[in-house]
Amino acid sequence: MTYRAETFIVEMLKQADIIIGRDIIVHNPEIFLDWSSRGMLAIGESYMAKQWEALLPLDVVLTKLLKLPSDAKRKLFKSWDAKFVH
């Protein structure tokens, strides 16, 4: 299950032009399962817990995620409780 979650999140990050190792560093790969089930809240909590870090300014990383096209957000974030403005 963790591998599928990682694949899902890595694809989401690529679509947002966020590359692991270039833009963010993941210290705990188990975060992907949490991110895929709990969304933006999990991303924030895992950042505060130092499970990952941004090599870009954090606001740039989050803005890239939020700037995904609406169709991509619906597909990628459909399991998330977060609501996005189109």
C-alpha atoms as a PDB file:
ATOM      1  CA  MET A   1       0.000   0.000   0.000  1.00  0.00           C
ATOM      2  CA  THR A   2       2.834   2.402   0.798  1.00  0.00           C
ATOM      3  CA  TYR A   3       4.349   1.887  -2.676  1.00  0.00           C
ATOM      4  CA  ARG A   4       1.045   2.804  -4.365  1.00  0.00           C
ATOM      5  CA  ALA A   5       0.711   5.870  -2.171  1.00  0.00           C
ATOM      6  CA  GLU A   6       4.277   6.903  -2.999  1.00  0.00           C
ATOM      7  CA  THR A   7       3.640   6.454  -6.722  1.00  0.00           C
ATOM      8  CA  PHE A   8       0.441   8.515  -6.450  1.00  0.00           C
ATOM      9  CA  ILE A   9       2.131  11.357  -4.563  1.00  0.00           C
ATOM     10  CA  VAL A  10       5.272  11.396  -6.727  1.00  0.00           C
ATOM     11  CA  GLU A  11       3.037  11.744  -9.807  1.00  0.00           C
ATOM     12  CA  MET A  12       1.118  14.575  -8.145  1.00  0.00           C
ATOM     13  CA  LEU A  13       4.353  16.339  -7.283  1.00  0.00           C
ATOM     14  CA  LYS A  14       5.659  15.935 -10.854  1.00  0.00           C
ATOM     15  CA  GLN A  15       2.490  17.480 -12.258  1.00  0.00           C
ATOM     16  CA  ALA A  16       3.079  20.429  -9.926  1.00  0.00           C
ATOM     17  CA  ASP A  17       6.748  20.627 -11.070  1.00  0.00           C
ATOM     18  CA  ILE A  18       7.988  19.525  -7.648  1.00  0.00           C
ATOM     19  CA  ILE A  19      10.778  16.968  -7.795  1.00  0.00           C
ATOM     20  CA  ILE A  20      11.954  14.960  -4.786  1.00  0.00           C
ATOM     21  CA  GLY A  21      15.650  15.595  -4.303  1.00  0.00           C
ATOM     22  CA  ARG A  22      15.527  18.878  -6.210  1.00  0.00           C
ATOM     23  CA  ASP A  23      12.690  20.794  -4.557  1.00  0.00           C
ATOM     24  CA  ILE A  24      11.933  18.754  -1.444  1.00  0.00           C
ATOM     25  CA  ILE A  25      13.738  16.106   0.595  1.00  0.00           C
ATOM     26  CA  VAL A  26      11.731  13.295   2.167  1.00  0.00           C
ATOM     27  CA  HIS A  27      13.163  11.975   5.434  1.00  0.00           C
ATOM     28  CA  ASN A  28      10.366   9.467   6.104  1.00  0.00           C
ATOM     29  CA  PRO A  29       8.833   7.760   3.042  1.00  0.00           C
ATOM     30  CA  GLU A  30       5.867   6.612   5.136  1.00  0.00           C
ATOM     31  CA  ILE A  31       4.471  10.145   4.795  1.00  0.00           C
ATOM     32  CA  PHE A  32       3.190   9.308   1.311  1.00  0.00           C
ATOM     33  CA  LEU A  33       0.457   7.056   2.681  1.00  0.00           C
ATOM     34  CA  ASP A  34      -0.589   9.760   5.135  1.00  0.00           C
ATOM     35  CA  TRP A  35      -0.510  12.447   2.431  1.00  0.00           C
ATOM     36  CA  SER A  36      -2.664  10.384   0.095  1.00  0.00           C
ATOM     37  CA  SER A  37      -5.295   9.795   2.758  1.00  0.00           C
ATOM     38  CA  ARG A  38      -5.295  13.095   4.678  1.00  0.00           C
ATOM     39  CA  GLY A  39      -4.062  15.616   2.123  1.00  0.00           C
ATOM     40  CA  MET A  40      -2.917  19.140   2.916  1.00  0.00           C
ATOM     41  CA  LEU A  41      -3.264  18.709   6.675  1.00  0.00           C
ATOM     42  CA  ALA A  42      -0.899  15.729   6.558  1.00  0.00           C
ATOM     43  CA  ILE A  43       1.546  17.660   4.380  1.00  0.00           C
ATOM     44  CA  GLY A  44       1.635  20.461   6.955  1.00  0.00           C
ATOM     45  CA  GLU A  45       1.866  18.184   9.972  1.00  0.00           C
ATOM     46  CA  SER A  46       4.647  16.086   8.464  1.00  0.00           C
ATOM     47  CA  TYR A  47       6.572  19.241   7.562  1.00  0.00           C
ATOM     48  CA  MET A  48       6.330  20.472  11.166  1.00  0.00           C
ATOM     49  CA  ALA A  49       7.455  17.012  12.356  1.00  0.00           C
ATOM     50  CA  LYS A  50      10.533  17.355  10.083  1.00  0.00           C
ATOM     51  CA  GLN A  51       9.598  14.273   8.063  1.00  0.00           C
ATOM     52  CA  TRP A  52      10.330  16.269   4.916  1.00  0.00           C
ATOM     53  CA  GLU A  53      11.890  19.619   4.097  1.00  0.00           C
ATOM     54  CA  ALA A  54      11.574  22.107   1.296  1.00  0.00           C
ATOM     55  CA  LEU A  55      14.682  23.113  -0.626  1.00  0.00           C
ATOM     56  CA  LEU A  56      12.588  25.847  -2.220  1.00  0.00           C
ATOM     57  CA  PRO A  57      10.779  28.327   0.025  1.00  0.00           C
ATOM     58  CA  LEU A  58       7.808  26.490   1.552  1.00  0.00           C
ATOM     59  CA  ASP A  59       5.296  28.970   0.153  1.00  0.00           C
ATOM     60  CA  VAL A  60       6.624  28.259  -3.353  1.00  0.00           C
ATOM     61  CA  VAL A  61       6.141  24.506  -2.880  1.00  0.00           C
ATOM     62  CA  LEU A  62       2.592  24.931  -1.581  1.00  0.00           C
ATOM     63  CA  THR A  63       1.710  27.449  -4.296  1.00  0.00           C
ATOM     64  CA  LYS A  64       2.862  24.989  -6.959  1.00  0.00           C
ATOM     65  CA  LEU A  65       0.516  22.370  -5.494  1.00  0.00           C
ATOM     66  CA  LEU A  66      -2.398  24.764  -5.413  1.00  0.00           C
ATOM     67  CA  LYS A  67      -1.751  25.949  -8.987  1.00  0.00           C
ATOM     68  CA  LEU A  68      -2.375  22.527 -10.472  1.00  0.00           C
ATOM     69  CA  PRO A  69      -5.128  22.722 -13.123  1.00  0.00           C
ATOM     70  CA  SER A  70      -8.614  22.035 -11.772  1.00  0.00           C
ATOM     71  CA  ASP A  71      -8.913  18.703 -13.586  1.00  0.00           C
ATOM     72  CA  ALA A  72      -5.611  17.515 -12.149  1.00  0.00           C
ATOM     73  CA  LYS A  73      -6.635  18.646  -8.663  1.00  0.00           C
ATOM     74  CA  ARG A  74      -9.914  16.742  -8.912  1.00  0.00           C
ATOM     75  CA  LYS A  75      -8.090  13.600 -10.026  1.00  0.00           C
ATOM     76  CA  LEU A  76      -5.175  13.862  -7.636  1.00  0.00           C
ATOM     77  CA  PHE A  77      -6.951  15.247  -4.609  1.00  0.00           C
ATOM     78  CA  LYS A  78     -10.230  13.331  -4.878  1.00  0.00           C
ATOM     79  CA  SER A  79      -9.458  11.391  -1.705  1.00  0.00           C
ATOM     80  CA  TRP A  80      -8.644  14.548   0.207  1.00  0.00           C
ATOM     81  CA  ASP A  81     -10.968  16.518   2.430  1.00  0.00           C
ATOM     82  CA  ALA A  82      -9.433  19.800   1.216  1.00  0.00           C
ATOM     83  CA  LYS A  83     -11.567  21.986  -1.036  1.00  0.00           C
ATOM     84  CA  PHE A  84      -9.965  23.922  -3.870  1.00  0.00           C
ATOM     85  CA  VAL A  85     -11.221  26.995  -5.685  1.00  0.00           C
ATOM     86  CA  HIS A  86     -11.426  26.545  -9.446  1.00  0.00           C
END
